[in-house]
Protein backbone atom coordinates (compact mmCIF):
# COMPACT_ATOMS: atom_id res chain seq x y z
CA UNK A 1 0.04 0.05 0.17
CA UNK A 2 2.58 2.33 0.90
CA UNK A 3 4.66 1.26 -2.33
CA UNK A 4 1.66 2.48 -4.63
CA UNK A 5 1.21 5.58 -2.76
CA UNK A 6 4.92 6.58 -3.40
CA UNK A 7 4.67 5.78 -7.05
CA UNK A 8 1.52 8.15 -7.45
CA UNK A 9 3.31 10.83 -5.73
CA UNK A 10 6.45 10.47 -7.96
CA UNK A 11 3.96 10.67 -11.12
CA UNK A 12 2.49 13.83 -9.84
CA UNK A 13 5.87 15.31 -9.13
CA UNK A 14 7.07 14.48 -12.86
CA UNK A 15 3.92 16.01 -14.21
CA UNK A 16 4.48 19.21 -12.27
CA UNK A 17 8.05 19.50 -13.35
CA UNK A 18 6.94 19.03 -16.97
CA UNK A 19 4.57 21.80 -16.92
CA UNK A 20 7.18 24.03 -15.17
CA UNK A 21 9.55 23.39 -17.94
CA UNK A 22 6.86 24.25 -20.51
CA UNK A 23 6.21 27.69 -18.87
CA UNK A 24 9.95 28.47 -18.87
CA UNK A 25 10.24 27.67 -22.60
CA UNK A 26 7.34 29.68 -23.49
CA UNK A 27 8.59 32.79 -21.46
CA UNK A 28 11.90 32.57 -23.54
CA UNK A 29 10.11 32.93 -27.04
CA UNK A 30 10.78 36.53 -28.52
CA UNK A 31 7.49 38.56 -29.09
CA UNK A 32 6.86 39.56 -32.81
CA UNK A 33 5.14 42.91 -33.32
CA UNK A 34 3.20 43.52 -36.71
CA UNK A 35 4.68 46.31 -38.60
CA UNK A 36 2.68 48.16 -41.45
CA UNK A 37 4.43 47.66 -44.92
CA UNK A 38 5.37 50.55 -47.33
CA UNK A 39 4.18 50.36 -50.74
CA UNK A 40 6.98 51.28 -53.27
CA UNK A 41 6.29 53.30 -56.25
CA UNK A 42 6.86 51.46 -59.62
CA UNK A 43 9.22 53.61 -62.12
CA UNK A 44 7.89 54.18 -65.62
CA UNK A 45 8.90 55.90 -68.87
CA UNK A 46 6.15 58.07 -70.61
CA UNK A 47 5.48 59.91 -73.58
CA UNK A 48 4.01 63.35 -73.65
CA UNK A 49 0.98 63.43 -76.04
CA UNK A 50 1.27 66.02 -78.53
CA UNK A 51 -2.00 66.01 -80.63
CA UNK A 52 -1.62 67.48 -84.20
CA UNK A 53 -1.60 66.59 -87.90
CA UNK A 54 0.52 63.54 -88.42
CA UNK A 55 1.29 62.19 -92.03
CA UNK A 56 0.63 58.67 -92.89
CA UNK A 57 2.72 56.29 -94.89
CA UNK A 58 0.90 53.64 -96.98
CA UNK A 59 3.26 50.70 -97.75
CA UNK A 60 3.26 48.13 -100.30
CA UNK A 61 5.33 45.45 -102.30
CA UNK A 62 5.66 45.30 -105.91
CA UNK A 63 7.70 44.47 -109.20
CA UNK A 64 9.26 46.82 -111.54
CA UNK A 65 7.73 46.56 -115.03
CA UNK A 66 7.91 48.72 -118.19
CA UNK A 67 5.34 51.22 -119.02
CA UNK A 68 5.91 50.97 -122.95
CA UNK A 69 7.43 47.73 -124.53
CA UNK A 70 7.55 47.55 -128.33
CA UNK A 71 8.48 44.59 -130.55
CA UNK A 72 9.96 46.24 -133.62
CA UNK A 73 9.29 44.81 -137.19
CA UNK A 74 10.08 46.12 -140.62
CA UNK A 75 7.73 47.77 -142.84
CA UNK A 76 9.44 46.80 -146.14
CA UNK A 77 11.01 43.63 -147.16
CA UNK A 78 14.72 43.25 -148.03
CA UNK A 79 18.16 42.22 -146.90
CA UNK A 80 19.86 43.88 -143.93
CA UNK A 81 22.87 45.82 -144.98
CA UNK A 82 23.61 47.73 -141.92
CA UNK A 83 23.21 47.06 -138.18
CA UNK A 84 23.74 49.53 -135.32
CA UNK A 85 26.22 48.67 -132.76
CA UNK A 86 23.78 49.65 -130.01
CA UNK A 87 21.30 47.04 -131.16
CA UNK A 88 22.50 44.57 -128.47
CA UNK A 89 20.60 43.40 -125.23
CA UNK A 90 21.12 46.13 -122.62
CA UNK A 91 21.95 48.86 -125.17
CA UNK A 92 20.48 52.26 -124.72
CA UNK A 93 19.25 54.11 -127.71
CA UNK A 94 17.83 57.79 -128.24
CA UNK A 95 14.79 58.52 -130.26
CA UNK A 96 15.57 58.52 -133.92
CA UNK A 97 18.88 56.42 -133.59
CA UNK A 98 19.17 53.94 -136.47
CA UNK A 99 18.73 50.17 -135.71
CA UNK A 100 19.05 48.63 -139.04
CA UNK A 101 19.15 49.69 -142.88
CA UNK A 102 17.58 47.35 -145.35
CA UNK A 103 18.75 47.40 -149.06
CA UNK A 104 16.71 49.97 -150.71
CA UNK A 105 17.56 49.31 -154.32
CA UNK A 106 14.35 47.61 -155.06
CA UNK A 107 12.23 50.20 -153.42
CA UNK A 108 14.32 52.67 -155.33
CA UNK A 109 13.23 50.86 -158.43
CA UNK A 110 9.67 50.96 -157.32
CA UNK A 111 9.94 54.73 -156.70
CA UNK A 112 11.04 55.28 -160.22
CA UNK A 113 8.45 53.24 -161.53
CA UNK A 114 5.73 55.10 -159.71
CA UNK A 115 7.14 58.37 -160.86
CA UNK A 116 6.95 57.35 -164.42
CA UNK A 117 3.32 56.25 -163.98
CA UNK A 118 2.51 59.57 -162.41
CA UNK A 119 4.01 61.45 -165.23
CA UNK A 120 2.04 59.18 -167.85
CA UNK A 121 -1.24 59.94 -165.89
CA UNK A 122 -0.48 63.57 -165.83
CA UNK A 123 0.01 63.53 -169.57
CA UNK A 124 -3.10 61.69 -170.18
CA UNK A 125 -4.93 64.19 -168.07
CA UNK A 126 -3.65 67.08 -169.99
CA UNK A 127 -4.72 65.27 -173.26
CA UNK A 128 -8.15 64.76 -172.09
CA UNK A 129 -8.48 68.34 -171.09
CA UNK A 130 -7.51 69.43 -174.60
CA UNK A 131 -9.94 66.88 -176.08
CA UNK A 132 -12.69 68.36 -173.84
CA UNK A 133 -11.88 71.94 -175.33
CA UNK A 134 -12.25 70.77 -178.85
CA UNK A 135 -15.35 68.91 -178.03
CA UNK A 136 -16.96 71.85 -176.35
CA UNK A 137 -16.18 74.09 -179.37
CA UNK A 138 -17.64 71.59 -181.81
CA UNK A 139 -20.81 71.32 -179.71
CA UNK A 140 -21.45 74.86 -179.28
CA UNK A 141 -25.08 75.66 -179.55
CA UNK A 142 -26.05 71.97 -179.90
CA UNK A 143 -25.36 70.37 -176.71
CA UNK A 144 -28.71 71.58 -175.11
CA UNK A 145 -30.49 69.17 -177.12
CA UNK A 146 -28.66 66.09 -175.56
CA UNK A 147 -29.56 64.32 -172.43
CA UNK A 148 -27.35 64.99 -169.38
CA UNK A 149 -25.59 61.58 -169.74
CA UNK A 150 -24.94 62.18 -173.32
CA UNK A 151 -23.85 65.77 -172.79
CA UNK A 152 -21.23 64.74 -170.32
CA UNK A 153 -19.98 61.95 -172.73
CA UNK A 154 -19.99 64.18 -175.72
CA UNK A 155 -18.17 67.09 -173.87
CA UNK A 156 -15.71 64.52 -172.32
CA UNK A 157 -16.42 65.37 -168.85
CA UNK A 158 -16.36 61.64 -167.89
CA UNK A 159 -13.01 61.11 -169.59
CA UNK A 160 -11.64 64.27 -167.75
CA UNK A 161 -12.81 62.84 -164.29
CA UNK A 162 -11.19 59.38 -165.13
CA UNK A 163 -7.94 60.83 -166.10
CA UNK A 164 -7.83 62.98 -162.85
CA UNK A 165 -8.63 59.91 -160.86
CA UNK A 166 -5.79 58.01 -162.51
CA UNK A 167 -3.41 60.95 -161.62
CA UNK A 168 -4.49 60.92 -157.84
CA UNK A 169 -3.90 57.20 -157.77
CA UNK A 170 -0.59 57.40 -159.36
CA UNK A 171 0.35 60.22 -156.91
CA UNK A 172 -0.63 58.16 -154.03
CA UNK A 173 1.44 55.04 -155.25
CA UNK A 174 4.44 57.31 -155.90
CA UNK A 175 3.98 58.78 -152.34
CA UNK A 176 3.84 55.28 -150.89
CA UNK A 177 6.83 54.14 -152.73
CA UNK A 178 8.83 57.24 -151.49
CA UNK A 179 7.73 56.52 -147.79
CA UNK A 180 8.84 52.85 -148.27
CA UNK A 181 12.20 54.16 -149.39
CA UNK A 182 12.43 56.14 -145.99
CA UNK A 183 11.25 52.87 -144.23
CA UNK A 184 14.38 51.09 -145.30
CA UNK A 185 16.16 52.78 -142.35
CA UNK A 186 14.55 51.46 -139.02
CA UNK A 187 14.85 53.90 -136.20
CA UNK A 188 14.09 53.77 -132.45
CA UNK A 189 10.63 55.46 -132.02
CA UNK A 190 11.59 56.71 -128.43
CA UNK A 191 14.32 56.60 -125.87
CA UNK A 192 14.71 52.92 -125.20
CA UNK A 193 16.75 49.92 -123.74
CA UNK A 194 17.20 46.89 -125.84
CA UNK A 195 15.98 43.86 -124.03
CA UNK A 196 16.10 41.42 -127.06
CA UNK A 197 17.76 41.64 -130.52
CA UNK A 198 17.22 38.74 -133.07
CA UNK A 199 18.06 40.55 -136.21
CA UNK A 200 21.54 39.93 -137.94
CA UNK A 201 23.59 41.52 -140.77
CA UNK A 202 22.77 40.06 -143.95
CA UNK A 203 19.47 38.50 -143.05
CA UNK A 204 16.49 38.91 -145.16
CA UNK A 205 13.49 40.22 -143.30
CA UNK A 206 9.85 40.69 -144.05
CA UNK A 207 7.05 42.70 -142.61
CA UNK A 208 6.52 39.60 -140.20
CA UNK A 209 10.14 39.48 -138.86
CA UNK A 210 10.69 40.54 -135.37
CA UNK A 211 13.73 42.64 -135.36
CA UNK A 212 14.23 43.59 -131.48
CA UNK A 213 12.19 44.45 -128.34
CA UNK A 214 12.61 47.81 -126.77
CA UNK A 215 11.49 49.15 -123.63
CA UNK A 216 11.00 52.92 -122.97
CA UNK A 217 13.41 54.26 -120.24
CA UNK A 218 11.62 57.63 -119.38
CA UNK A 219 9.81 55.90 -116.65
CA UNK A 220 8.95 52.50 -115.24
CA UNK A 221 5.78 51.28 -113.38
CA UNK A 222 5.57 49.41 -110.02
CA UNK A 223 2.20 47.83 -109.34
CA UNK A 224 1.30 47.45 -105.59
CA UNK A 225 -1.66 46.17 -103.75
CA UNK A 226 -2.97 48.25 -100.76
CA UNK A 227 -6.02 47.94 -98.62
CA UNK A 228 -9.17 49.58 -100.23
CA UNK A 229 -9.68 51.37 -96.82
CA UNK A 230 -6.37 53.25 -97.18
CA UNK A 231 -7.07 54.81 -100.61
CA UNK A 232 -8.88 57.82 -98.98
CA UNK A 233 -5.50 58.89 -97.46
CA UNK A 234 -4.00 59.08 -100.97
CA UNK A 235 -4.22 61.52 -104.06
CA UNK A 236 -5.17 59.38 -107.06
CA UNK A 237 -5.35 61.01 -110.48
CA UNK A 238 -8.86 60.50 -112.09
CA UNK A 239 -10.31 59.62 -108.60
CA UNK A 240 -9.89 62.38 -106.01
CA UNK A 241 -7.30 64.56 -107.96
CA UNK A 242 -7.44 66.42 -111.18
CA UNK A 243 -3.71 66.49 -111.55
CA UNK A 244 -1.48 64.04 -113.65
CA UNK A 245 0.53 63.04 -110.50
CA UNK A 246 -0.83 61.71 -107.41
CA UNK A 247 0.72 61.20 -103.95
CA UNK A 248 4.63 61.07 -104.01
CA UNK A 249 6.14 57.83 -103.42
CA UNK A 250 9.50 56.41 -102.61
CA UNK A 251 10.59 53.09 -104.37
CA UNK A 252 13.17 51.14 -102.38
CA UNK A 253 15.19 47.99 -103.68
CA UNK A 254 17.32 46.18 -101.23
CA UNK A 255 20.13 44.91 -103.71
CA UNK A 256 21.95 43.05 -100.98
CA UNK A 257 25.43 43.51 -99.10
CA UNK A 258 24.15 46.84 -97.71
CA UNK A 259 23.31 48.35 -101.20
CA UNK A 260 19.98 50.17 -101.31
CA UNK A 261 18.64 51.70 -104.53
CA UNK A 262 15.99 54.39 -104.00
CA UNK A 263 13.93 56.31 -106.53
CA UNK A 264 11.27 58.97 -106.35
CA UNK A 265 8.01 58.41 -107.89
CA UNK A 266 4.24 59.17 -107.79
CA UNK A 267 0.83 57.41 -107.94
CA UNK A 268 -0.16 57.47 -111.55
CA UNK A 269 -3.43 55.65 -111.59
CA UNK A 270 -5.86 53.18 -109.81
CA UNK A 271 -6.60 50.01 -111.55
CA UNK A 272 -10.26 49.13 -112.06
CA UNK A 273 -10.45 45.83 -110.01
CA UNK A 274 -9.13 44.29 -106.76
CA UNK A 275 -6.48 41.68 -106.58
CA UNK A 276 -8.00 38.35 -106.99
CA UNK A 277 -6.21 36.74 -103.87
CA UNK A 278 -6.09 39.54 -101.16
CA UNK A 279 -9.04 41.49 -102.46
CA UNK A 280 -7.01 44.48 -102.38
CA UNK A 281 -6.73 47.55 -104.53
CA UNK A 282 -4.08 47.78 -107.09
CA UNK A 283 -1.98 51.09 -107.83
CA UNK A 284 0.30 51.83 -110.46
CA UNK A 285 3.29 53.91 -109.37
CA UNK A 286 5.35 55.76 -111.96
CA UNK A 287 9.15 55.99 -111.54
CA UNK A 288 10.75 58.80 -113.68
CA UNK A 289 14.17 58.16 -114.88
CA UNK A 290 14.64 54.57 -113.35
CA UNK A 291 18.13 54.12 -114.86
CA UNK A 292 19.36 57.25 -113.21
CA UNK A 293 20.53 59.01 -116.63
CA UNK A 294 19.37 62.44 -115.33
CA UNK A 295 17.55 63.14 -118.67
CA UNK A 296 13.98 62.71 -117.28
CA UNK A 297 12.09 64.26 -114.43
CA UNK A 298 13.77 66.56 -111.90
CA UNK A 299 17.52 66.73 -112.12
CA UNK A 300 19.26 68.26 -109.13
CA UNK A 301 21.40 71.45 -109.86
CA UNK A 302 24.96 71.26 -109.62
CA UNK A 303 26.32 73.69 -107.16
CA UNK A 304 28.59 76.46 -108.14
CA UNK A 305 30.96 75.51 -105.30
CA UNK A 306 33.82 73.12 -106.11
CA UNK A 307 33.12 69.50 -105.28
CA UNK A 308 35.19 67.82 -102.76
CA UNK A 309 34.88 64.52 -104.45
CA UNK A 310 33.10 63.07 -107.59
CA UNK A 311 29.53 62.17 -106.87
CA UNK A 312 28.86 58.52 -106.49
CA UNK A 313 27.03 57.11 -109.63
CA UNK A 314 23.57 55.97 -109.10
CA UNK A 315 22.78 52.25 -109.67
CA UNK A 316 19.89 51.73 -112.14
CA UNK A 317 16.45 50.36 -111.00
CA UNK A 318 16.28 47.09 -113.10
CA UNK A 319 13.22 45.59 -114.66
CA UNK A 320 11.83 42.63 -112.56
CA UNK A 321 13.28 43.86 -109.28
CA UNK A 322 10.94 43.30 -106.18
CA UNK A 323 10.91 46.55 -104.38
CA UNK A 324 9.14 48.20 -101.34
CA UNK A 325 7.00 51.21 -102.00
CA UNK A 326 6.25 53.94 -99.36
CA UNK A 327 3.51 56.52 -100.31
CA UNK A 328 2.97 59.64 -98.51
CA UNK A 329 -0.63 59.94 -97.38
CA UNK A 330 -2.57 63.12 -96.46
CA UNK A 331 -2.04 63.98 -92.75
CA UNK A 332 -4.54 63.02 -89.96
CA UNK A 333 -5.57 65.90 -87.85
CA UNK A 334 -5.82 65.96 -84.19
CA UNK A 335 -3.94 62.66 -83.75
CA UNK A 336 -1.19 61.57 -81.28
CA UNK A 337 1.63 59.09 -82.40
CA UNK A 338 1.58 56.30 -79.65
CA UNK A 339 3.98 53.27 -79.67
CA UNK A 340 2.30 49.69 -80.23
CA UNK A 341 3.93 48.71 -76.92
CA UNK A 342 1.80 51.29 -75.01
CA UNK A 343 -1.49 49.83 -76.18
CA UNK A 344 -3.72 47.78 -73.79
CA UNK A 345 -6.34 45.56 -75.33
CA UNK A 346 -5.59 47.28 -78.67
CA UNK A 347 -7.65 50.51 -77.83
CA UNK A 348 -6.69 51.57 -74.41
CA UNK A 349 -3.47 53.21 -72.88
CA UNK A 350 -2.22 53.81 -69.33
CA UNK A 351 -1.82 57.37 -68.25
CA UNK A 352 -0.04 58.77 -65.24
CA UNK A 353 -2.11 61.25 -63.36
CA UNK A 354 -1.09 62.59 -59.91
CA UNK A 355 1.58 59.84 -59.72
CA UNK A 356 -1.05 56.99 -60.27
CA UNK A 357 -2.05 54.80 -63.25
CA UNK A 358 -5.33 55.62 -64.90
CA UNK A 359 -6.71 53.57 -67.91
CA UNK A 360 -7.93 55.54 -70.89
CA UNK A 361 -9.75 54.41 -74.03
CA UNK A 362 -8.61 55.82 -77.20
CA UNK A 363 -9.59 55.89 -80.88
CA UNK A 364 -6.86 54.30 -83.16
CA UNK A 365 -7.31 55.68 -86.66
CA UNK A 366 -3.97 54.52 -88.27
CA UNK A 367 -1.53 51.54 -87.65
CA UNK A 368 2.07 51.06 -88.68
CA UNK A 369 4.57 48.45 -87.87
CA UNK A 370 5.57 50.18 -84.61
CA UNK A 371 3.26 53.00 -83.84
CA UNK A 372 -0.43 53.95 -84.13
CA UNK A 373 -1.99 57.29 -84.63
CA UNK A 374 -4.94 57.83 -81.99
CA UNK A 375 -7.50 60.44 -81.07
CA UNK A 376 -8.74 60.90 -77.36
CA UNK A 377 -5.50 62.21 -75.79
CA UNK A 378 -5.04 65.84 -74.60
CA UNK A 379 -1.77 67.76 -75.03
CA UNK A 380 0.91 67.00 -72.31
CA UNK A 381 -0.79 63.89 -71.04
CA UNK A 382 1.56 61.23 -69.82
CA UNK A 383 1.25 57.91 -71.75
CA UNK A 384 3.16 55.08 -70.05
CA UNK A 385 5.36 53.32 -72.57
CA UNK A 386 7.04 50.84 -70.19
CA UNK A 387 5.66 47.34 -70.27
CA UNK A 388 4.18 46.53 -66.76
CA UNK A 389 3.60 43.03 -65.30
CA UNK A 390 0.48 43.48 -63.42
CA UNK A 391 -0.83 47.11 -63.66
CA UNK A 392 -3.86 48.09 -61.72
CA UNK A 393 -6.01 51.20 -61.62
CA UNK A 394 -4.55 53.65 -59.15
CA UNK A 395 -1.19 52.10 -58.79
CA UNK A 396 1.48 54.55 -57.42
CA UNK A 397 4.24 55.06 -60.09
CA UNK A 398 7.10 57.49 -60.71
CA UNK A 399 8.16 59.07 -64.10
CA UNK A 400 11.73 58.42 -64.86
CA UNK A 401 11.78 60.08 -68.34
CA UNK A 402 10.23 60.61 -71.62
CA UNK A 403 10.39 57.58 -74.15
CA UNK A 404 13.42 57.92 -76.26
CA UNK A 405 11.64 56.15 -79.18
CA UNK A 406 9.11 58.78 -79.31
CA UNK A 407 11.67 61.62 -78.88
CA UNK A 408 13.52 60.25 -81.89
CA UNK A 409 10.03 60.02 -83.74
CA UNK A 410 9.52 63.66 -83.08
CA UNK A 411 12.79 64.83 -84.69
CA UNK A 412 12.82 65.88 -88.24
CA UNK A 413 13.93 63.26 -90.66
CA UNK A 414 17.32 63.26 -92.11
CA UNK A 415 17.84 64.69 -95.59
CA UNK A 416 18.15 62.53 -98.53
CA UNK A 417 21.45 62.26 -100.20
């Protein structure tokens, strides 16, 4: 009995010591006080809105093609006795330059024959006029009794008219023979480049023989496709412009190895149907002086000051080249240029107002590869151009500076060399 009592007392003592130790451990735990967290403002870069009239650029791709292409044939038959040295593929010809000369002896004989025929017809006409005078003398006072047909026959009016017709026919034949004599020399009808030449010296040609293919070099065409909705921003002759030249254009050909060939042009006309694949409108852009000869279009004046170095020759714009075309459209009034990176849901932007973010809906009226033109922004408003991970309405931000991309965009373009 005493043994059980001693065991119970020992258990109570152990439990009491355990509770005492737990109290000591709890007293040693450090006390943690709640501290209010400070919200840190996010740094952003902004663009200051500057509403105004901003020009738009309509872009397209196309291929250089000739405006005038002529397959030259001869108008007379004969053997080629002379051939121009410039009648070679790639050769340049001025208007009136000779291409070939055909043996003219047969044509000269025809000219002589037709001259003789004309002389004979003229003699016959003079003879009939003399006979008419004799007949009128013999029939004096008696021709009134004849019928009209008999009178014309008796007074030889019919014979004179026939002789006159023979003279006119002989004169036409003589003129035709003389023209054929001039056609034995085939000349270039316009300033041209030879793209194909098939005639050779000594070859017998006919009016069906193709001699060469010429392409006019005063201007080329570039056919491009643009969205129909963008036509309202362009000046197009015959559509919304009465002039012969529409919106200015810049034609750019990347020749590779860092070589860029550029030419100035203009919209010449709108084709009457849309592209079958993309359902886009097709424009013809004219490019004056594509070969860079300086003979066509506006030629820069040479300065009176001595040049430091010889100017670099301009490379020609070749037929068949794939080019980019930039058309200068009419400016859009009351618009602000905004980078695409600043857009939210394609029609909104974040603004900084009193150090806080505010979402603003805008009207996008024009889009390019890197920027858009929008309405709905007041002058001086700060548009956020910094991409934000999780922006929210009212978020605290600090402005670190203006967008360098848009600062560059507001600078005047460099002058073209």
